[in-house]
Amino acid sequence: EPAMAEEAAAVRVQAEVVRRLKHDKADPDEIAKEVAKLLEMKAQLGGDEGKHKFVLKTPKGTRDYSPKQMAIRERVFNAIISCFKRHGAEVIDTPVFELKETLTGKYGEDSKLIYDLKDQGGELLSLRYDLTVPFARYLAMNKITNIKRYHIAKVYRRDNPAMTRGRYREFYQCDFDIAGQFDPMIPDAECLKIVHEILSDLQLGDFLIKVNDRRILDGMFAVCGVPDSKFRTICSSVDKLDKVPWEEVRGEMVGEKGLSPEAANHIGEYVQLHGEHCGLIERLLQDPKLSQNKLAKEGLGDMKLLFEYLTLFGITGKISFDLSLARGLDYYTGVIFEAVLLQQENEHVEEPVSVGSVAGGGRYDGLVGMFDPKGRKVPCVGVSIGIERIFSILEQRVEASEEKIRTTETQVLVASAQKKLLEERLKLIAELWDAGIKAEVLYKKNPKLLNQLQYCEDTGIPLVAIVGEQELKDGVVKLRVVATREEVNVRRESLVEEIRMRTSHP
């Protein structure tokens, strides 16, 4: 088969091309193109040899949730939703894909991370990248000027995921937003209160909420001599300061982004200021250059007001005014904030280390106007809870503590100790189901009692209802408590009540 050998050789050459591109860290699209070519060639080559090489895996950056993981996730969702409801929020849902046009130009440098659906001759579509832009589209489309809503759903980003740290290509976002024209900083303060409540409630350990304002940043850039056209790109450099030292960020600004060294040094003087919020705000309001800038002055005035409200809410202990906080997204216009978990490595570390952001948000007063034909603005402020990050922390904690997590809520197993009682078991379980009791039965005609009890041990079912010849005659059911092995005979008609009473506080 000379043709066959020739094709095999071609495949080897192509494989080498792919290897070289990967080694040279070439453009991912280029690599993808050549990989596709290689797979195509392999498919042509082997009738059946391509078939059994299929690897069963979830796509890169995605994951399954096992029943145990779902149990933890459910717990987290419930804590978050109950907080959103406590603050009077309604709930909405939107499609998982939007018109490509809807998402275009909303995310700045992150636009390259948007998943576009394949053009199949209809509308051009993209998977949603967050829940905020769809929310703004929803408001503009329905001419809504006033709503407080939450939305929990999956979003999609073609990121290079570090899945160990809870970063994925498909992940949940939990958003709470307040849209409408209100007096300054009252809704903003409530958003911060919500973050504080959720992080305290989930007991994730110590956390810090960093707060800044887009107007203070922009004013600072202006007085430092950053040209308007470079604001956004310099912003995304500043945003890296929580991960890399100032020297490196400065290098990027001057080297890659063409900022003058003087301007960069100037920015450095500001963004490295930290301090007790009231003192720092006052100090900046007195700053000869910054106080001349209209935007910065507005931002600082609002920041002062915000901290007054946060003091009334009693949460300033966990909040810090941080001039280096920039949040990469293009649509923020006012207050911005980010919550990070702090890891106390050991007692003698002065600065607690941050293990990454678990919530973020801010004010975006212009986004809805971008969708409105008349450009009518609807002011909005909101927060997004980083559920995956929180989830991977809790999951690791459960692994470490070896705590048993139930994955079902079954209250009772209907069992029998003798043979030929399947009919009686089925009759009884139907009664229990119809009374709203969570019950199971083993799918065997004559299961051994030991196996039935073992099943309860394994799955955490607290009670067993045992039917037997004698019990049937006496009109009772033997109720056994799995943990203590105590047994009581219960009249058939009061069985439901008894089960409810014994399992009311799981």
Protein backbone atom coordinates (compact mmCIF):
# COMPACT_ATOMS: atom_id res chain seq x y z
CA GLU A 1 0.00 0.00 0.00
CA PRO A 2 2.38 2.75 -1.10
CA ALA A 3 -0.32 5.43 -1.01
CA MET A 4 -1.01 4.45 2.59
CA ALA A 5 2.67 4.83 3.55
CA GLU A 6 2.84 8.19 1.83
CA GLU A 7 -0.16 9.49 3.80
CA ALA A 8 1.30 8.17 7.06
CA ALA A 9 4.50 10.07 6.32
CA ALA A 10 2.48 13.24 5.63
CA VAL A 11 0.74 12.82 8.99
CA ARG A 12 4.14 12.57 10.72
CA VAL A 13 5.27 15.79 9.03
CA GLN A 14 2.08 17.58 10.04
CA ALA A 15 2.44 16.33 13.65
CA GLU A 16 5.93 17.82 13.66
CA VAL A 17 4.53 21.17 12.45
CA VAL A 18 2.05 21.18 15.35
CA ARG A 19 4.78 20.25 17.85
CA ARG A 20 7.01 23.06 16.65
CA LEU A 21 4.21 25.66 16.83
CA LYS A 22 3.38 24.59 20.38
CA HIS A 23 7.04 24.69 21.35
CA ASP A 24 7.39 28.20 19.91
CA LYS A 25 4.22 29.27 21.77
CA ALA A 26 2.71 30.42 18.48
CA ASP A 27 -0.65 32.16 18.10
CA PRO A 28 -3.36 29.82 19.51
CA ASP A 29 -5.54 30.26 16.40
CA GLU A 30 -2.60 29.24 14.20
CA ILE A 31 -2.03 26.14 16.36
CA ALA A 32 -5.74 25.26 16.29
CA LYS A 33 -5.76 25.51 12.47
CA GLU A 34 -2.82 23.11 12.11
CA VAL A 35 -4.22 20.70 14.72
CA ALA A 36 -7.51 20.59 12.81
CA LYS A 37 -5.56 19.82 9.62
CA LEU A 38 -3.68 17.02 11.43
CA LEU A 39 -6.91 15.45 12.74
CA GLU A 40 -8.44 15.67 9.28
CA MET A 41 -5.42 13.84 7.80
CA LYS A 42 -5.55 11.18 10.50
CA ALA A 43 -9.25 10.60 9.85
CA GLN A 44 -8.57 10.13 6.11
CA LEU A 45 -5.79 7.70 6.93
CA GLY A 46 -7.32 5.19 9.30
CA GLY A 47 -10.68 3.54 8.65
CA ASP A 48 -11.15 2.28 12.18
CA GLU A 49 -7.92 3.16 13.95
CA GLY A 50 -9.13 6.70 14.60
CA LYS A 51 -12.23 5.39 16.34
CA HIS A 52 -10.99 3.65 19.47
CA LYS A 53 -8.53 6.42 20.32
CA PHE A 54 -11.41 8.68 21.37
CA VAL A 55 -10.70 10.09 24.84
CA LEU A 56 -13.66 10.54 27.16
CA LYS A 57 -13.22 13.90 28.83
CA THR A 58 -15.10 17.13 29.41
CA PRO A 59 -13.94 20.02 27.19
CA LYS A 60 -10.98 22.11 28.36
CA GLY A 61 -11.91 24.47 31.16
CA THR A 62 -15.16 22.70 32.05
CA ARG A 63 -16.12 20.20 34.71
CA ASP A 64 -18.84 17.86 35.84
CA TYR A 65 -20.39 18.20 39.28
CA SER A 66 -20.71 14.95 41.21
CA PRO A 67 -23.65 14.51 43.61
CA LYS A 68 -21.33 15.39 46.50
CA GLN A 69 -20.11 18.54 44.77
CA MET A 70 -23.71 19.48 43.94
CA ALA A 71 -24.62 19.18 47.61
CA ILE A 72 -21.92 21.73 48.49
CA ARG A 73 -22.92 23.97 45.57
CA GLU A 74 -26.57 23.88 46.59
CA ARG A 75 -25.58 25.00 50.09
CA VAL A 76 -23.65 27.97 48.70
CA PHE A 77 -26.44 28.97 46.29
CA ASN A 78 -28.99 28.88 49.10
CA ALA A 79 -26.89 31.18 51.28
CA ILE A 80 -26.47 33.65 48.41
CA ILE A 81 -30.08 33.58 47.23
CA SER A 82 -31.43 34.04 50.75
CA CYS A 83 -29.22 37.14 51.09
CA PHE A 84 -30.45 38.56 47.76
CA LYS A 85 -34.06 37.93 48.84
CA ARG A 86 -33.43 39.50 52.23
CA HIS A 87 -32.59 42.67 50.32
CA GLY A 88 -35.80 42.56 48.29
CA ALA A 89 -34.50 41.47 44.89
CA GLU A 90 -36.57 40.02 42.06
CA VAL A 91 -35.10 37.37 39.76
CA ILE A 92 -34.80 37.23 35.96
CA ASP A 93 -33.27 34.92 33.35
CA THR A 94 -31.88 35.61 29.85
CA PRO A 95 -30.70 33.40 26.94
CA VAL A 96 -27.29 31.76 27.15
CA PHE A 97 -26.41 33.28 23.76
CA GLU A 98 -26.90 36.86 22.62
CA LEU A 99 -26.59 38.60 19.25
CA LYS A 100 -22.87 39.04 18.64
CA GLU A 101 -23.56 42.75 18.16
CA THR A 102 -24.92 43.02 21.73
CA LEU A 103 -21.58 41.98 23.23
CA THR A 104 -19.33 43.87 20.82
CA GLY A 105 -17.39 46.80 22.26
CA LYS A 106 -18.46 46.27 25.88
CA TYR A 107 -15.45 44.48 27.31
CA GLY A 108 -12.34 46.34 26.14
CA GLU A 109 -9.27 44.14 25.97
CA ASP A 110 -11.22 41.08 27.08
CA SER A 111 -13.29 40.90 23.89
CA LYS A 112 -10.93 38.27 22.49
CA LEU A 113 -12.21 35.90 25.18
CA ILE A 114 -15.78 35.85 23.83
CA TYR A 115 -17.02 32.58 22.32
CA ASP A 116 -18.63 33.15 18.92
CA LEU A 117 -21.06 30.52 17.71
CA LYS A 118 -20.38 29.11 14.25
CA ASP A 119 -22.09 31.04 11.46
CA GLN A 120 -24.76 28.69 10.12
CA GLY A 121 -26.46 31.20 7.90
CA GLY A 122 -28.75 32.74 10.50
CA GLU A 123 -28.10 35.45 13.07
CA LEU A 124 -24.51 35.89 14.27
CA LEU A 125 -24.43 34.84 17.91
CA SER A 126 -22.01 34.71 20.84
CA LEU A 127 -22.21 32.99 24.22
CA ARG A 128 -22.72 35.48 27.04
CA TYR A 129 -19.52 36.60 28.73
CA ASP A 130 -21.15 37.94 31.89
CA LEU A 131 -24.65 38.71 33.17
CA THR A 132 -24.30 42.48 33.25
CA VAL A 133 -24.41 43.23 29.54
CA PRO A 134 -27.47 40.97 29.01
CA PHE A 135 -29.10 42.78 31.97
CA ALA A 136 -28.45 46.17 30.36
CA ARG A 137 -29.86 44.84 27.07
CA TYR A 138 -32.94 43.57 28.94
CA LEU A 139 -33.52 46.97 30.57
CA ALA A 140 -33.11 48.93 27.33
CA MET A 141 -35.24 46.51 25.33
CA ASN A 142 -38.12 46.58 27.82
CA LYS A 143 -37.72 50.30 28.66
CA ILE A 144 -37.27 49.48 32.35
CA THR A 145 -35.87 52.38 34.39
CA ASN A 146 -36.11 50.88 37.83
CA ILE A 147 -35.47 47.33 39.10
CA LYS A 148 -33.58 45.45 41.77
CA ARG A 149 -32.81 42.00 40.47
CA TYR A 150 -30.57 38.99 40.90
CA HIS A 151 -29.57 36.49 38.22
CA ILE A 152 -27.63 33.26 38.69
CA ALA A 153 -26.46 31.56 35.52
CA LYS A 154 -23.51 30.18 33.57
CA VAL A 155 -21.24 32.42 31.51
CA TYR A 156 -18.52 31.56 29.00
CA ARG A 157 -14.96 32.83 28.47
CA ARG A 158 -12.23 31.48 26.21
CA ASP A 159 -9.70 31.98 28.95
CA ASN A 160 -6.69 29.84 29.69
CA PRO A 161 -8.11 28.33 32.80
CA ALA A 162 -6.28 27.61 36.04
CA MET A 163 -8.91 25.16 37.18
CA THR A 164 -7.27 24.43 40.51
CA ARG A 165 -7.99 28.01 41.56
CA GLY A 166 -11.59 27.78 40.46
CA ARG A 167 -11.17 29.43 37.06
CA TYR A 168 -13.04 27.90 34.16
CA ARG A 169 -14.29 28.52 30.62
CA GLU A 170 -17.84 27.78 31.72
CA PHE A 171 -18.76 29.01 35.17
CA TYR A 172 -21.55 30.40 37.29
CA GLN A 173 -22.01 34.05 38.09
CA CYS A 174 -24.33 35.28 40.81
CA ASP A 175 -25.28 38.90 40.17
CA PHE A 176 -27.26 41.42 42.17
CA ASP A 177 -27.93 44.84 40.62
CA ILE A 178 -29.91 47.95 41.46
CA ALA A 179 -31.01 50.01 38.45
CA GLY A 180 -32.63 53.41 38.78
CA GLN A 181 -32.14 57.06 39.60
CA PHE A 182 -31.50 57.33 43.35
CA ASP A 183 -29.63 59.54 45.77
CA PRO A 184 -25.88 59.04 45.60
CA MET A 185 -24.15 56.08 47.23
CA ILE A 186 -27.15 54.56 49.04
CA PRO A 187 -27.57 51.61 46.63
CA ASP A 188 -23.77 51.38 46.31
CA ALA A 189 -23.45 50.99 50.07
CA GLU A 190 -26.12 48.27 50.06
CA CYS A 191 -24.16 46.30 47.44
CA LEU A 192 -21.12 46.35 49.71
CA LYS A 193 -23.28 45.29 52.66
CA ILE A 194 -24.50 42.31 50.60
CA VAL A 195 -20.93 41.21 49.82
CA HIS A 196 -20.10 41.53 53.51
CA GLU A 197 -23.15 39.45 54.53
CA ILE A 198 -22.50 36.68 52.03
CA LEU A 199 -18.80 36.31 52.79
CA SER A 200 -19.47 36.35 56.53
CA ASP A 201 -22.32 33.87 56.18
CA LEU A 202 -20.26 31.37 54.14
CA GLN A 203 -17.49 31.45 56.77
CA LEU A 204 -14.67 31.48 54.24
CA GLY A 205 -12.24 33.07 56.68
CA ASP A 206 -10.94 36.60 56.75
CA PHE A 207 -11.70 38.86 53.80
CA LEU A 208 -11.12 42.41 52.63
CA ILE A 209 -13.27 44.51 50.30
CA LYS A 210 -11.21 47.01 48.34
CA VAL A 211 -13.03 50.09 47.10
CA ASN A 212 -12.07 52.77 44.58
CA ASP A 213 -13.83 54.99 42.02
CA ARG A 214 -13.36 55.12 38.27
CA ARG A 215 -13.55 58.93 38.42
CA ILE A 216 -10.71 59.11 40.95
CA LEU A 217 -8.62 56.85 38.71
CA ASP A 218 -9.38 58.86 35.57
CA GLY A 219 -8.69 62.13 37.39
CA MET A 220 -5.45 60.71 38.68
CA PHE A 221 -4.42 59.62 35.17
CA ALA A 222 -5.25 63.10 33.85
CA VAL A 223 -3.17 64.98 36.42
CA CYS A 224 -0.30 62.50 35.93
CA GLY A 225 -0.20 63.33 32.23
CA VAL A 226 -1.68 60.14 30.76
CA PRO A 227 -3.28 60.95 27.37
CA ASP A 228 -7.05 60.22 27.17
CA SER A 229 -6.51 57.56 24.53
CA LYS A 230 -4.37 55.56 26.97
CA PHE A 231 -6.72 55.67 30.03
CA ARG A 232 -8.28 52.27 29.50
CA THR A 233 -5.11 50.39 28.63
CA ILE A 234 -3.18 51.97 31.54
CA CYS A 235 -6.14 51.07 33.71
CA SER A 236 -5.74 47.39 32.90
CA SER A 237 -2.04 47.66 33.82
CA VAL A 238 -2.86 49.22 37.20
CA ASP A 239 -5.39 46.42 37.74
CA LYS A 240 -2.51 43.91 37.87
CA LEU A 241 -0.97 45.52 40.96
CA ASP A 242 -2.53 42.98 43.30
CA LYS A 243 -0.63 40.21 41.48
CA VAL A 244 2.69 41.75 40.41
CA PRO A 245 5.01 44.37 41.96
CA TRP A 246 4.88 48.04 40.92
CA GLU A 247 8.23 47.81 39.08
CA GLU A 248 6.79 45.25 36.68
CA VAL A 249 3.59 47.22 36.09
CA ARG A 250 5.62 50.36 35.51
CA GLY A 251 7.74 48.47 32.98
CA GLU A 252 4.61 47.40 31.09
CA MET A 253 3.22 50.96 31.03
CA VAL A 254 6.44 52.49 29.73
CA GLY A 255 7.78 49.60 27.63
CA GLU A 256 4.69 48.07 26.04
CA LYS A 257 2.11 50.84 26.27
CA GLY A 258 4.36 53.79 25.47
CA LEU A 259 3.63 55.90 28.55
CA SER A 260 6.25 58.52 29.46
CA PRO A 261 8.43 57.51 32.43
CA GLU A 262 7.47 60.77 34.24
CA ALA A 263 3.75 59.97 33.99
CA ALA A 264 4.39 56.41 35.18
CA ASN A 265 6.39 57.57 38.23
CA HIS A 266 3.64 60.05 38.99
CA ILE A 267 0.98 57.31 38.93
CA GLY A 268 3.25 55.25 41.18
CA GLU A 269 3.17 57.93 43.88
CA TYR A 270 -0.62 57.71 44.03
CA VAL A 271 -1.37 54.00 43.59
CA GLN A 272 1.08 53.04 46.31
CA LEU A 273 -0.79 55.13 48.88
CA HIS A 274 -2.75 53.00 51.31
CA GLY A 275 -4.25 54.08 54.52
CA GLU A 276 -7.15 54.49 56.85
CA HIS A 277 -9.98 55.55 54.50
CA CYS A 278 -11.13 58.80 56.10
CA GLY A 279 -7.57 60.04 56.48
CA LEU A 280 -6.66 59.06 52.94
CA ILE A 281 -9.77 60.63 51.37
CA GLU A 282 -9.17 63.88 53.24
CA ARG A 283 -5.52 63.85 52.24
CA LEU A 284 -6.41 63.42 48.55
CA LEU A 285 -9.09 66.11 48.74
CA GLN A 286 -6.31 68.43 49.97
CA ASP A 287 -3.89 67.22 47.25
CA PRO A 288 -3.04 70.37 45.21
CA LYS A 289 -3.17 68.64 41.81
CA LEU A 290 -5.94 66.09 42.35
CA SER A 291 -8.34 68.57 43.97
CA GLN A 292 -8.14 70.72 40.80
CA ASN A 293 -9.58 67.83 38.77
CA LYS A 294 -13.37 67.88 38.52
CA LEU A 295 -13.78 64.11 38.08
CA ALA A 296 -11.46 63.17 40.92
CA LYS A 297 -13.08 65.69 43.22
CA GLU A 298 -16.56 64.26 42.52
CA GLY A 299 -15.29 60.73 43.06
CA LEU A 300 -13.62 61.62 46.35
CA GLY A 301 -16.74 63.43 47.57
CA ASP A 302 -18.86 60.36 46.85
CA MET A 303 -16.25 58.10 48.44
CA LYS A 304 -16.48 60.15 51.64
CA LEU A 305 -20.28 59.77 51.59
CA LEU A 306 -20.01 56.04 50.90
CA PHE A 307 -17.81 55.52 53.94
CA GLU A 308 -20.31 57.42 56.11
CA TYR A 309 -23.03 54.94 55.08
CA LEU A 310 -20.71 51.94 55.50
CA THR A 311 -19.95 53.17 59.02
CA LEU A 312 -23.70 53.21 59.75
CA PHE A 313 -23.93 49.64 58.43
CA GLY A 314 -21.04 48.77 60.77
CA ILE A 315 -18.85 47.11 58.14
CA THR A 316 -15.89 49.49 57.63
CA GLY A 317 -13.57 47.10 59.48
CA LYS A 318 -13.39 44.87 56.41
CA ILE A 319 -13.30 47.63 53.79
CA SER A 320 -10.29 49.47 52.44
CA PHE A 321 -10.04 52.45 50.08
CA ASP A 322 -7.42 51.33 47.55
CA LEU A 323 -6.18 53.60 44.78
CA SER A 324 -4.61 50.71 42.89
CA LEU A 325 -7.93 48.91 42.38
CA ALA A 326 -8.90 49.35 38.72
CA ARG A 327 -11.12 46.41 37.61
CA GLY A 328 -10.46 45.76 33.94
CA LEU A 329 -13.98 46.04 32.55
CA ASP A 330 -14.66 49.06 30.37
CA TYR A 331 -18.19 49.84 31.49
CA TYR A 332 -17.60 51.03 35.07
CA THR A 333 -18.22 54.75 35.64
CA GLY A 334 -18.17 55.30 39.41
CA VAL A 335 -17.53 53.25 42.53
CA ILE A 336 -15.71 49.94 41.93
CA PHE A 337 -14.96 47.24 44.47
CA GLU A 338 -13.48 43.80 44.79
CA ALA A 339 -13.52 41.33 47.68
CA VAL A 340 -10.49 39.17 48.34
CA LEU A 341 -9.99 36.35 50.81
CA LEU A 342 -7.00 36.77 53.08
CA GLN A 343 -4.83 33.82 53.96
CA GLN A 344 -3.05 34.14 57.26
CA GLU A 345 0.10 32.17 56.45
CA ASN A 346 1.43 32.46 60.01
CA GLU A 347 1.42 34.82 62.97
CA HIS A 348 4.48 36.92 62.09
CA VAL A 349 3.40 38.04 58.62
CA GLU A 350 2.61 41.75 58.70
CA GLU A 351 0.53 41.86 55.48
CA PRO A 352 -2.10 39.14 55.07
CA VAL A 353 -1.81 37.59 51.60
CA SER A 354 -4.77 37.63 49.25
CA VAL A 355 -5.84 34.30 47.70
CA GLY A 356 -7.83 35.85 44.92
CA SER A 357 -10.99 37.71 44.29
CA VAL A 358 -14.33 36.21 45.39
CA ALA A 359 -16.65 39.09 44.47
CA GLY A 360 -16.50 42.29 42.49
CA GLY A 361 -18.68 45.02 41.13
CA GLY A 362 -19.30 48.68 40.76
CA ARG A 363 -21.36 51.41 39.18
CA TYR A 364 -21.99 51.47 35.43
CA ASP A 365 -24.25 54.39 34.55
CA GLY A 366 -23.64 54.35 30.79
CA LEU A 367 -24.19 50.73 29.78
CA VAL A 368 -27.97 50.78 29.32
CA GLY A 369 -27.66 54.01 27.30
CA MET A 370 -25.40 52.17 24.83
CA PHE A 371 -28.40 50.01 23.91
CA ASP A 372 -31.11 52.66 23.99
CA PRO A 373 -31.87 54.19 20.56
CA LYS A 374 -32.33 57.61 22.20
CA GLY A 375 -29.30 57.02 24.44
CA ARG A 376 -31.42 57.35 27.59
CA LYS A 377 -29.29 56.40 30.57
CA VAL A 378 -30.34 54.17 33.45
CA PRO A 379 -27.87 54.40 36.35
CA CYS A 380 -26.91 50.96 37.71
CA VAL A 381 -24.76 49.55 40.45
CA GLY A 382 -24.20 45.87 41.06
CA VAL A 383 -22.13 43.04 42.42
CA SER A 384 -21.09 39.66 41.10
CA ILE A 385 -20.27 36.84 43.54
CA GLY A 386 -17.49 34.53 42.30
CA ILE A 387 -19.22 31.33 43.12
CA GLU A 388 -16.67 28.94 41.53
CA ARG A 389 -13.81 30.37 43.56
CA ILE A 390 -15.84 30.10 46.77
CA PHE A 391 -16.92 26.64 45.75
CA SER A 392 -13.40 25.30 45.21
CA ILE A 393 -12.36 26.67 48.62
CA LEU A 394 -15.28 24.96 50.38
CA GLU A 395 -14.68 21.76 48.43
CA GLN A 396 -11.04 21.64 49.51
CA ARG A 397 -12.14 22.28 53.08
CA VAL A 398 -14.62 19.38 52.98
CA GLU A 399 -11.93 17.08 51.52
CA ALA A 400 -9.54 18.07 54.30
CA SER A 401 -12.07 17.64 57.12
CA GLU A 402 -13.40 14.32 55.77
CA GLU A 403 -16.86 15.47 56.79
CA LYS A 404 -19.61 13.15 55.51
CA ILE A 405 -21.89 14.98 53.11
CA ARG A 406 -25.28 13.52 52.34
CA THR A 407 -26.19 13.62 48.66
CA THR A 408 -29.83 12.63 49.16
CA GLU A 409 -32.51 13.77 51.60
CA THR A 410 -34.20 10.40 52.13
CA GLN A 411 -35.80 10.26 55.58
CA VAL A 412 -36.67 6.58 55.74
CA LEU A 413 -35.99 3.24 54.04
CA VAL A 414 -38.95 0.87 53.83
CA ALA A 415 -37.55 -2.57 54.64
CA SER A 416 -38.61 -6.06 55.58
CA ALA A 417 -36.93 -8.80 57.58
CA GLN A 418 -38.76 -11.74 56.02
CA LYS A 419 -39.37 -12.98 52.48
CA LYS A 420 -42.50 -12.45 50.39
CA LEU A 421 -43.19 -8.94 51.64
CA LEU A 422 -42.48 -6.92 48.49
CA GLU A 423 -46.18 -6.05 48.04
CA GLU A 424 -46.43 -4.76 51.61
CA ARG A 425 -43.26 -2.71 51.20
CA LEU A 426 -44.58 -1.13 48.00
CA LYS A 427 -47.97 -0.39 49.58
CA LEU A 428 -46.32 1.29 52.55
CA ILE A 429 -43.85 3.33 50.50
CA ALA A 430 -46.67 4.66 48.31
CA GLU A 431 -48.47 5.80 51.48
CA LEU A 432 -45.32 7.60 52.63
CA TRP A 433 -44.65 9.22 49.25
CA ASP A 434 -48.24 10.43 49.05
CA ALA A 435 -47.86 12.00 52.50
CA GLY A 436 -44.78 13.89 51.25
CA ILE A 437 -42.23 11.73 53.08
CA LYS A 438 -38.87 11.19 51.33
CA ALA A 439 -38.58 7.42 51.22
CA GLU A 440 -36.69 4.68 49.39
CA VAL A 441 -37.01 0.93 48.98
CA LEU A 442 -34.42 -1.55 47.71
CA TYR A 443 -35.28 -2.89 44.25
CA LYS A 444 -35.24 -6.57 45.24
CA LYS A 445 -38.00 -9.03 46.02
CA ASN A 446 -36.37 -10.46 49.12
CA PRO A 447 -33.50 -8.26 50.30
CA LYS A 448 -31.54 -9.32 53.39
CA LEU A 449 -32.16 -7.09 56.41
CA LEU A 450 -28.42 -6.58 56.84
CA ASN A 451 -28.09 -5.23 53.28
CA GLN A 452 -30.97 -2.86 53.87
CA LEU A 453 -29.42 -1.51 57.07
CA GLN A 454 -26.03 -1.22 55.38
CA TYR A 455 -27.62 0.87 52.61
CA CYS A 456 -28.87 3.31 55.28
CA GLU A 457 -25.41 3.52 56.85
CA ASP A 458 -23.82 4.22 53.46
CA THR A 459 -26.24 6.92 52.34
CA GLY A 460 -27.01 8.50 55.72
CA ILE A 461 -30.70 7.57 55.86
CA PRO A 462 -31.67 8.09 59.53
CA LEU A 463 -34.71 5.76 59.84
CA VAL A 464 -35.86 2.32 58.72
CA ALA A 465 -39.52 1.33 58.62
CA ILE A 466 -39.66 -2.45 58.91
CA VAL A 467 -42.76 -4.43 57.87
CA GLY A 468 -43.09 -8.01 59.13
CA GLU A 469 -45.82 -10.68 59.41
CA GLN A 470 -46.51 -9.99 63.08
CA GLU A 471 -46.43 -6.18 62.68
CA LEU A 472 -48.93 -6.37 59.81
CA LYS A 473 -51.32 -8.40 62.02
CA ASP A 474 -50.94 -5.87 64.84
CA GLY A 475 -51.39 -2.85 62.51
CA VAL A 476 -47.98 -1.43 63.43
CA VAL A 477 -44.67 -0.72 61.71
CA LYS A 478 -41.33 -1.20 63.45
CA LEU A 479 -39.37 2.07 63.22
CA ARG A 480 -35.63 1.69 63.72
CA VAL A 481 -33.25 4.58 64.35
CA VAL A 482 -30.13 3.76 62.34
CA ALA A 483 -27.64 5.68 64.50
CA THR A 484 -28.68 4.31 67.92
CA ARG A 485 -30.30 1.03 66.75
CA GLU A 486 -33.28 1.64 69.03
CA GLU A 487 -36.57 0.24 67.75
CA VAL A 488 -40.15 1.28 68.46
CA ASN A 489 -43.45 -0.06 67.23
CA VAL A 490 -45.57 2.71 65.73
CA ARG A 491 -49.26 2.47 64.80
CA ARG A 492 -49.56 2.54 61.04
CA GLU A 493 -51.77 5.66 61.10
CA SER A 494 -49.30 7.68 63.15
CA LEU A 495 -46.19 6.55 61.24
CA VAL A 496 -46.07 9.65 59.00
CA GLU A 497 -46.29 11.95 62.01
CA GLU A 498 -43.58 9.99 63.84
CA ILE A 499 -41.18 10.12 60.87
CA ARG A 500 -41.78 13.85 60.46
CA MET A 501 -41.12 14.49 64.10
CA ARG A 502 -37.90 12.48 64.15
CA THR A 503 -36.43 14.02 60.98
CA SER A 504 -37.62 17.64 61.23
CA HIS A 505 -34.14 19.01 62.02
CA PRO A 506 -31.67 17.30 59.70
